[in-house]
Amino acid sequence: MSISADDIKAVYEDLRDRQAHPRGHFDKAGRWYSHYPELVGHVRWPSRHYPYSQMSAARSKKFVRALAETHGCKTVAQLRSLAHSA
């Protein structure tokens, strides 16, 4: 049994609507890096001109789906604990 499309959509909407924030960190220059860089796809590396490129990718439905599949999430609670920052 895998996580449902509705559960993926719920977590995606939390991230999209800024009800939750993706896991990651800022460096001293204000660039944001995802906790899961291998899952944000072929997104440009954060730079001073595009400091939130990975953050935007980590708020996508494609990212949430990849996170669920990679970690074998069975429940929405598991997916939320992986996707959301503490």
PDB file of N, CA and C in Angstrom:
ATOM      1  N   MET A   1       0.843  -1.188   0.000  1.00  0.00           N
ATOM      2  CA  MET A   1       0.000   0.000   0.000  1.00  0.00           C
ATOM      3  C   MET A   1       0.888   1.251   0.000  1.00  0.00           C
ATOM      4  N   SER A   2       0.660   2.119  -0.933  1.00  0.00           N
ATOM      5  CA  SER A   2       1.425   3.361  -0.987  1.00  0.00           C
ATOM      6  C   SER A   2       0.504   4.534  -0.672  1.00  0.00           C
ATOM      7  N   ILE A   3       1.104   5.671  -0.521  1.00  0.00           N
ATOM      8  CA  ILE A   3       0.343   6.874  -0.171  1.00  0.00           C
ATOM      9  C   ILE A   3      -0.540   7.290  -1.343  1.00  0.00           C
ATOM     10  N   SER A   4      -1.685   7.837  -1.042  1.00  0.00           N
ATOM     11  CA  SER A   4      -2.656   8.188  -2.081  1.00  0.00           C
ATOM     12  C   SER A   4      -2.330   9.546  -2.727  1.00  0.00           C
ATOM     13  N   ALA A   5      -2.904   9.756  -3.884  1.00  0.00           N
ATOM     14  CA  ALA A   5      -2.742  11.033  -4.595  1.00  0.00           C
ATOM     15  C   ALA A   5      -3.338  12.180  -3.781  1.00  0.00           C
ATOM     16  N   ASP A   6      -4.401  11.914  -3.042  1.00  0.00           N
ATOM     17  CA  ASP A   6      -5.015  12.955  -2.207  1.00  0.00           C
ATOM     18  C   ASP A   6      -4.076  13.375  -1.072  1.00  0.00           C
ATOM     19  N   ASP A   7      -3.339  12.419  -0.511  1.00  0.00           N
ATOM     20  CA  ASP A   7      -2.383  12.744   0.546  1.00  0.00           C
ATOM     21  C   ASP A   7      -1.223  13.575  -0.004  1.00  0.00           C
ATOM     22  N   ILE A   8      -0.749  13.209  -1.188  1.00  0.00           N
ATOM     23  CA  ILE A   8       0.313  13.988  -1.831  1.00  0.00           C
ATOM     24  C   ILE A   8      -0.179  15.406  -2.105  1.00  0.00           C
ATOM     25  N   LYS A   9      -1.405  15.513  -2.578  1.00  0.00           N
ATOM     26  CA  LYS A   9      -1.986  16.826  -2.856  1.00  0.00           C
ATOM     27  C   LYS A   9      -2.106  17.660  -1.586  1.00  0.00           C
ATOM     28  N   ALA A  10      -2.491  17.029  -0.472  1.00  0.00           N
ATOM     29  CA  ALA A  10      -2.639  17.754   0.796  1.00  0.00           C
ATOM     30  C   ALA A  10      -1.308  18.330   1.262  1.00  0.00           C
ATOM     31  N   VAL A  11      -0.243  17.539   1.183  1.00  0.00           N
ATOM     32  CA  VAL A  11       1.079  18.021   1.603  1.00  0.00           C
ATOM     33  C   VAL A  11       1.564  19.109   0.647  1.00  0.00           C
ATOM     34  N   TYR A  12       1.350  18.905  -0.641  1.00  0.00           N
ATOM     35  CA  TYR A  12       1.713  19.921  -1.638  1.00  0.00           C
ATOM     36  C   TYR A  12       1.008  21.247  -1.345  1.00  0.00           C
ATOM     37  N   GLU A  13      -0.283  21.190  -1.043  1.00  0.00           N
ATOM     38  CA  GLU A  13      -1.040  22.415  -0.763  1.00  0.00           C
ATOM     39  C   GLU A  13      -0.540  23.104   0.498  1.00  0.00           C
ATOM     40  N   ASP A  14      -0.130  22.335   1.515  1.00  0.00           N
ATOM     41  CA  ASP A  14       0.468  22.932   2.719  1.00  0.00           C
ATOM     42  C   ASP A  14       1.709  23.740   2.354  1.00  0.00           C
ATOM     43  N   LEU A  15       2.549  23.162   1.509  1.00  0.00           N
ATOM     44  CA  LEU A  15       3.780  23.840   1.099  1.00  0.00           C
ATOM     45  C   LEU A  15       3.485  25.024   0.188  1.00  0.00           C
ATOM     46  N   ARG A  16       2.602  24.818  -0.772  1.00  0.00           N
ATOM     47  CA  ARG A  16       2.256  25.874  -1.725  1.00  0.00           C
ATOM     48  C   ARG A  16       1.654  27.090  -1.025  1.00  0.00           C
ATOM     49  N   ASP A  17       0.767  26.840  -0.064  1.00  0.00           N
ATOM     50  CA  ASP A  17       0.068  27.919   0.630  1.00  0.00           C
ATOM     51  C   ASP A  17       0.828  28.468   1.831  1.00  0.00           C
ATOM     52  N   ARG A  18       2.066  28.012   1.991  1.00  0.00           N
ATOM     53  CA  ARG A  18       2.955  28.473   3.076  1.00  0.00           C
ATOM     54  C   ARG A  18       2.408  28.141   4.466  1.00  0.00           C
ATOM     55  N   GLN A  19       1.601  27.083   4.559  1.00  0.00           N
ATOM     56  CA  GLN A  19       1.156  26.593   5.862  1.00  0.00           C
ATOM     57  C   GLN A  19       2.292  25.817   6.532  1.00  0.00           C
ATOM     58  N   ALA A  20       3.214  25.344   5.715  1.00  0.00           N
ATOM     59  CA  ALA A  20       4.402  24.633   6.182  1.00  0.00           C
ATOM     60  C   ALA A  20       5.558  25.029   5.273  1.00  0.00           C
ATOM     61  N   HIS A  21       6.754  24.786   5.741  1.00  0.00           N
ATOM     62  CA  HIS A  21       7.941  25.141   4.969  1.00  0.00           C
ATOM     63  C   HIS A  21       8.774  23.897   4.723  1.00  0.00           C
ATOM     64  N   PRO A  22       9.359  23.776   3.530  1.00  0.00           N
ATOM     65  CA  PRO A  22      10.153  22.582   3.223  1.00  0.00           C
ATOM     66  C   PRO A  22      11.426  22.531   4.058  1.00  0.00           C
ATOM     67  N   ARG A  23      11.943  21.321   4.237  1.00  0.00           N
ATOM     68  CA  ARG A  23      13.188  21.150   4.990  1.00  0.00           C
ATOM     69  C   ARG A  23      14.357  21.682   4.179  1.00  0.00           C
ATOM     70  N   GLY A  24      15.209  22.452   4.840  1.00  0.00           N
ATOM     71  CA  GLY A  24      16.381  23.008   4.193  1.00  0.00           C
ATOM     72  C   GLY A  24      17.037  24.027   5.108  1.00  0.00           C
ATOM     73  N   HIS A  25      18.002  24.732   4.573  1.00  0.00           N
ATOM     74  CA  HIS A  25      18.711  25.728   5.377  1.00  0.00           C
ATOM     75  C   HIS A  25      19.197  26.880   4.495  1.00  0.00           C
ATOM     76  N   PHE A  26      19.459  27.990   5.142  1.00  0.00           N
ATOM     77  CA  PHE A  26      20.026  29.171   4.492  1.00  0.00           C
ATOM     78  C   PHE A  26      21.520  29.223   4.782  1.00  0.00           C
ATOM     79  N   ASP A  27      22.290  29.710   3.831  1.00  0.00           N
ATOM     80  CA  ASP A  27      23.699  29.966   4.093  1.00  0.00           C
ATOM     81  C   ASP A  27      23.868  31.433   4.484  1.00  0.00           C
ATOM     82  N   LYS A  28      25.091  31.850   4.720  1.00  0.00           N
ATOM     83  CA  LYS A  28      25.348  33.225   5.166  1.00  0.00           C
ATOM     84  C   LYS A  28      24.974  34.274   4.129  1.00  0.00           C
ATOM     85  N   ALA A  29      24.929  33.885   2.855  1.00  0.00           N
ATOM     86  CA  ALA A  29      24.583  34.824   1.782  1.00  0.00           C
ATOM     87  C   ALA A  29      23.080  34.859   1.508  1.00  0.00           C
ATOM     88  N   GLY A  30      22.297  34.103   2.276  1.00  0.00           N
ATOM     89  CA  GLY A  30      20.849  34.124   2.113  1.00  0.00           C
ATOM     90  C   GLY A  30      20.306  33.163   1.068  1.00  0.00           C
ATOM     91  N   ARG A  31      21.150  32.241   0.604  1.00  0.00           N
ATOM     92  CA  ARG A  31      20.686  31.243  -0.369  1.00  0.00           C
ATOM     93  C   ARG A  31      20.095  30.069   0.390  1.00  0.00           C
ATOM     94  N   TRP A  32      19.008  29.516  -0.146  1.00  0.00           N
ATOM     95  CA  TRP A  32      18.323  28.401   0.520  1.00  0.00           C
ATOM     96  C   TRP A  32      18.655  27.096  -0.187  1.00  0.00           C
ATOM     97  N   TYR A  33      19.042  26.077   0.603  1.00  0.00           N
ATOM     98  CA  TYR A  33      19.399  24.758   0.075  1.00  0.00           C
ATOM     99  C   TYR A  33      18.452  23.709   0.649  1.00  0.00           C
ATOM    100  N   SER A  34      17.937  22.867  -0.226  1.00  0.00           N
ATOM    101  CA  SER A  34      17.022  21.809   0.173  1.00  0.00           C
ATOM    102  C   SER A  34      17.742  20.725   0.965  1.00  0.00           C
ATOM    103  N   HIS A  35      17.024  20.130   1.902  1.00  0.00           N
ATOM    104  CA  HIS A  35      17.526  18.993   2.660  1.00  0.00           C
ATOM    105  C   HIS A  35      17.649  17.768   1.745  1.00  0.00           C
ATOM    106  N   TYR A  36      16.905  17.772   0.641  1.00  0.00           N
ATOM    107  CA  TYR A  36      16.893  16.671  -0.327  1.00  0.00           C
ATOM    108  C   TYR A  36      17.294  17.186  -1.715  1.00  0.00           C
ATOM    109  N   PRO A  37      18.554  17.582  -1.916  1.00  0.00           N
ATOM    110  CA  PRO A  37      18.946  18.167  -3.207  1.00  0.00           C
ATOM    111  C   PRO A  37      18.793  17.198  -4.370  1.00  0.00           C
ATOM    112  N   GLU A  38      18.873  15.902  -4.110  1.00  0.00           N
ATOM    113  CA  GLU A  38      18.745  14.923  -5.187  1.00  0.00           C
ATOM    114  C   GLU A  38      17.321  14.832  -5.714  1.00  0.00           C
ATOM    115  N   LEU A  39      16.341  15.365  -4.965  1.00  0.00           N
ATOM    116  CA  LEU A  39      14.943  15.276  -5.370  1.00  0.00           C
ATOM    117  C   LEU A  39      14.389  16.551  -5.994  1.00  0.00           C
ATOM    118  N   VAL A  40      15.133  17.628  -5.976  1.00  0.00           N
ATOM    119  CA  VAL A  40      14.613  18.864  -6.562  1.00  0.00           C
ATOM    120  C   VAL A  40      14.816  18.916  -8.064  1.00  0.00           C
ATOM    121  N   GLY A  41      15.366  17.866  -8.620  1.00  0.00           N
ATOM    122  CA  GLY A  41      15.489  17.788 -10.072  1.00  0.00           C
ATOM    123  C   GLY A  41      16.618  18.635 -10.612  1.00  0.00           C
ATOM    124  N   HIS A  42      16.465  18.996 -11.852  1.00  0.00           N
ATOM    125  CA  HIS A  42      17.493  19.762 -12.547  1.00  0.00           C
ATOM    126  C   HIS A  42      17.204  21.255 -12.405  1.00  0.00           C
ATOM    127  N   VAL A  43      17.232  21.705 -11.185  1.00  0.00           N
ATOM    128  CA  VAL A  43      16.982  23.112 -10.872  1.00  0.00           C
ATOM    129  C   VAL A  43      18.334  23.787 -10.719  1.00  0.00           C
ATOM    130  N   ARG A  44      18.398  25.035 -11.133  1.00  0.00           N
ATOM    131  CA  ARG A  44      19.659  25.768 -10.989  1.00  0.00           C
ATOM    132  C   ARG A  44      20.093  25.779  -9.523  1.00  0.00           C
ATOM    133  N   TRP A  45      21.388  25.757  -9.308  1.00  0.00           N
ATOM    134  CA  TRP A  45      21.936  25.833  -7.959  1.00  0.00           C
ATOM    135  C   TRP A  45      21.670  27.234  -7.421  1.00  0.00           C
ATOM    136  N   PRO A  46      21.326  27.381  -6.139  1.00  0.00           N
ATOM    137  CA  PRO A  46      21.061  28.720  -5.597  1.00  0.00           C
ATOM    138  C   PRO A  46      22.242  29.667  -5.802  1.00  0.00           C
ATOM    139  N   SER A  47      21.908  30.903  -6.140  1.00  0.00           N
ATOM    140  CA  SER A  47      22.924  31.933  -6.341  1.00  0.00           C
ATOM    141  C   SER A  47      22.409  33.229  -5.713  1.00  0.00           C
ATOM    142  N   ARG A  48      23.210  34.254  -5.752  1.00  0.00           N
ATOM    143  CA  ARG A  48      22.752  35.535  -5.197  1.00  0.00           C
ATOM    144  C   ARG A  48      21.572  36.097  -5.979  1.00  0.00           C
ATOM    145  N   HIS A  49      21.520  35.829  -7.277  1.00  0.00           N
ATOM    146  CA  HIS A  49      20.412  36.320  -8.099  1.00  0.00           C
ATOM    147  C   HIS A  49      19.167  35.447  -7.974  1.00  0.00           C
ATOM    148  N   TYR A  50      19.348  34.154  -7.702  1.00  0.00           N
ATOM    149  CA  TYR A  50      18.232  33.206  -7.571  1.00  0.00           C
ATOM    150  C   TYR A  50      18.404  32.401  -6.279  1.00  0.00           C
ATOM    151  N   PRO A  51      18.255  33.044  -5.120  1.00  0.00           N
ATOM    152  CA  PRO A  51      18.539  32.358  -3.859  1.00  0.00           C
ATOM    153  C   PRO A  51      17.502  31.304  -3.475  1.00  0.00           C
ATOM    154  N   TYR A  52      16.316  31.339  -4.070  1.00  0.00           N
ATOM    155  CA  TYR A  52      15.246  30.422  -3.660  1.00  0.00           C
ATOM    156  C   TYR A  52      14.898  29.401  -4.741  1.00  0.00           C
ATOM    157  N   SER A  53      15.817  29.116  -5.654  1.00  0.00           N
ATOM    158  CA  SER A  53      15.511  28.179  -6.730  1.00  0.00           C
ATOM    159  C   SER A  53      15.169  26.792  -6.201  1.00  0.00           C
ATOM    160  N   GLN A  54      15.906  26.309  -5.228  1.00  0.00           N
ATOM    161  CA  GLN A  54      15.602  24.992  -4.668  1.00  0.00           C
ATOM    162  C   GLN A  54      14.350  25.036  -3.789  1.00  0.00           C
ATOM    163  N   MET A  55      14.087  26.159  -3.140  1.00  0.00           N
ATOM    164  CA  MET A  55      12.882  26.269  -2.325  1.00  0.00           C
ATOM    165  C   MET A  55      11.639  26.177  -3.203  1.00  0.00           C
ATOM    166  N   SER A  56      11.665  26.842  -4.331  1.00  0.00           N
ATOM    167  CA  SER A  56      10.529  26.773  -5.253  1.00  0.00           C
ATOM    168  C   SER A  56      10.297  25.343  -5.713  1.00  0.00           C
ATOM    169  N   ALA A  57      11.364  24.645  -6.028  1.00  0.00           N
ATOM    170  CA  ALA A  57      11.242  23.256  -6.468  1.00  0.00           C
ATOM    171  C   ALA A  57      10.735  22.361  -5.340  1.00  0.00           C
ATOM    172  N   ALA A  58      11.141  22.633  -4.107  1.00  0.00           N
ATOM    173  CA  ALA A  58      10.725  21.819  -2.959  1.00  0.00           C
ATOM    174  C   ALA A  58       9.276  22.085  -2.554  1.00  0.00           C
ATOM    175  N   ARG A  59       8.639  23.054  -3.165  1.00  0.00           N
ATOM    176  CA  ARG A  59       7.227  23.321  -2.912  1.00  0.00           C
ATOM    177  C   ARG A  59       6.344  22.773  -4.035  1.00  0.00           C
ATOM    178  N   SER A  60       6.902  21.994  -4.937  1.00  0.00           N
ATOM    179  CA  SER A  60       6.144  21.480  -6.077  1.00  0.00           C
ATOM    180  C   SER A  60       5.527  20.113  -5.782  1.00  0.00           C
ATOM    181  N   LYS A  61       4.485  19.800  -6.527  1.00  0.00           N
ATOM    182  CA  LYS A  61       3.832  18.495  -6.383  1.00  0.00           C
ATOM    183  C   LYS A  61       4.775  17.387  -6.848  1.00  0.00           C
ATOM    184  N   LYS A  62       5.563  17.662  -7.863  1.00  0.00           N
ATOM    185  CA  LYS A  62       6.531  16.684  -8.374  1.00  0.00           C
ATOM    186  C   LYS A  62       7.528  16.302  -7.276  1.00  0.00           C
ATOM    187  N   PHE A  63       7.988  17.280  -6.511  1.00  0.00           N
ATOM    188  CA  PHE A  63       8.919  17.024  -5.420  1.00  0.00           C
ATOM    189  C   PHE A  63       8.256  16.187  -4.335  1.00  0.00           C
ATOM    190  N   VAL A  64       7.040  16.538  -3.948  1.00  0.00           N
ATOM    191  CA  VAL A  64       6.334  15.801  -2.887  1.00  0.00           C
ATOM    192  C   VAL A  64       6.127  14.347  -3.305  1.00  0.00           C
ATOM    193  N   ARG A  65       5.749  14.124  -4.555  1.00  0.00           N
ATOM    194  CA  ARG A  65       5.560  12.764  -5.069  1.00  0.00           C
ATOM    195  C   ARG A  65       6.882  11.994  -5.031  1.00  0.00           C
ATOM    196  N   ALA A  66       7.977  12.623  -5.461  1.00  0.00           N
ATOM    197  CA  ALA A  66       9.295  11.976  -5.451  1.00  0.00           C
ATOM    198  C   ALA A  66       9.729  11.650  -4.028  1.00  0.00           C
ATOM    199  N   LEU A  67       9.452  12.532  -3.099  1.00  0.00           N
ATOM    200  CA  LEU A  67       9.795  12.312  -1.693  1.00  0.00           C
ATOM    201  C   LEU A  67       9.031  11.102  -1.148  1.00  0.00           C
ATOM    202  N   ALA A  68       7.750  11.008  -1.456  1.00  0.00           N
ATOM    203  CA  ALA A  68       6.926   9.883  -0.995  1.00  0.00           C
ATOM    204  C   ALA A  68       7.423   8.564  -1.576  1.00  0.00           C
ATOM    205  N   GLU A  69       7.757   8.566  -2.864  1.00  0.00           N
ATOM    206  CA  GLU A  69       8.219   7.339  -3.522  1.00  0.00           C
ATOM    207  C   GLU A  69       9.602   6.925  -3.034  1.00  0.00           C
ATOM    208  N   THR A  70      10.499   7.870  -2.901  1.00  0.00           N
ATOM    209  CA  THR A  70      11.870   7.573  -2.484  1.00  0.00           C
ATOM    210  C   THR A  70      11.920   6.994  -1.074  1.00  0.00           C
ATOM    211  N   HIS A  71      11.113   7.545  -0.178  1.00  0.00           N
ATOM    212  CA  HIS A  71      11.145   7.113   1.215  1.00  0.00           C
ATOM    213  C   HIS A  71      10.068   6.087   1.547  1.00  0.00           C
ATOM    214  N   GLY A  72       9.271   5.692   0.583  1.00  0.00           N
ATOM    215  CA  GLY A  72       8.251   4.662   0.801  1.00  0.00           C
ATOM    216  C   GLY A  72       7.209   5.034   1.839  1.00  0.00           C
ATOM    217  N   CYS A  73       6.745   6.261   1.803  1.00  0.00           N
ATOM    218  CA  CYS A  73       5.764   6.735   2.780  1.00  0.00           C
ATOM    219  C   CYS A  73       4.452   5.972   2.631  1.00  0.00           C
ATOM    220  N   LYS A  74       3.895   5.552   3.751  1.00  0.00           N
ATOM    221  CA  LYS A  74       2.624   4.836   3.768  1.00  0.00           C
ATOM    222  C   LYS A  74       1.481   5.718   4.256  1.00  0.00           C
ATOM    223  N   THR A  75       1.802   6.744   5.030  1.00  0.00           N
ATOM    224  CA  THR A  75       0.769   7.624   5.581  1.00  0.00           C
ATOM    225  C   THR A  75       1.122   9.089   5.307  1.00  0.00           C
ATOM    226  N   VAL A  76       0.104   9.916   5.396  1.00  0.00           N
ATOM    227  CA  VAL A  76       0.325  11.350   5.203  1.00  0.00           C
ATOM    228  C   VAL A  76       1.175  11.910   6.340  1.00  0.00           C
ATOM    229  N   ALA A  77       1.084  11.340   7.530  1.00  0.00           N
ATOM    230  CA  ALA A  77       1.893  11.806   8.655  1.00  0.00           C
ATOM    231  C   ALA A  77       3.382  11.570   8.386  1.00  0.00           C
ATOM    232  N   GLN A  78       3.717  10.424   7.813  1.00  0.00           N
ATOM    233  CA  GLN A  78       5.116  10.153   7.461  1.00  0.00           C
ATOM    234  C   GLN A  78       5.611  11.153   6.422  1.00  0.00           C
ATOM    235  N   LEU A  79       4.795  11.396   5.422  1.00  0.00           N
ATOM    236  CA  LEU A  79       5.177  12.328   4.358  1.00  0.00           C
ATOM    237  C   LEU A  79       5.339  13.743   4.908  1.00  0.00           C
ATOM    238  N   ARG A  80       4.436  14.162   5.752  1.00  0.00           N
ATOM    239  CA  ARG A  80       4.545  15.513   6.335  1.00  0.00           C
ATOM    240  C   ARG A  80       5.801  15.645   7.180  1.00  0.00           C
ATOM    241  N   SER A  81       6.156  14.608   7.927  1.00  0.00           N
ATOM    242  CA  SER A  81       7.349  14.691   8.769  1.00  0.00           C
ATOM    243  C   SER A  81       8.621  14.805   7.931  1.00  0.00           C
ATOM    244  N   LEU A  82       8.609  14.216   6.725  1.00  0.00           N
ATOM    245  CA  LEU A  82       9.768  14.326   5.832  1.00  0.00           C
ATOM    246  C   LEU A  82       9.787  15.660   5.097  1.00  0.00           C
ATOM    247  N   ALA A  83       8.618  16.122   4.661  1.00  0.00           N
ATOM    248  CA  ALA A  83       8.539  17.314   3.816  1.00  0.00           C
ATOM    249  C   ALA A  83       8.643  18.614   4.584  1.00  0.00           C
ATOM    250  N   HIS A  84       8.086  18.676   5.771  1.00  0.00           N
ATOM    251  CA  HIS A  84       8.002  19.935   6.523  1.00  0.00           C
ATOM    252  C   HIS A  84       9.198  20.094   7.447  1.00  0.00           C
ATOM    253  N   SER A  85       9.623  21.317   7.615  1.00  0.00           N
ATOM    254  CA  SER A  85      10.668  21.597   8.587  1.00  0.00           C
ATOM    255  C   SER A  85      10.076  21.580   9.981  1.00  0.00           C
ATOM    256  N   ALA A  86      10.923  21.362  10.929  1.00  0.00           N
ATOM    257  CA  ALA A  86      10.462  21.243  12.328  1.00  0.00           C
ATOM    258  C   ALA A  86      10.082  22.574  12.918  1.00  0.00           C
TER     259      ALA A  86
END
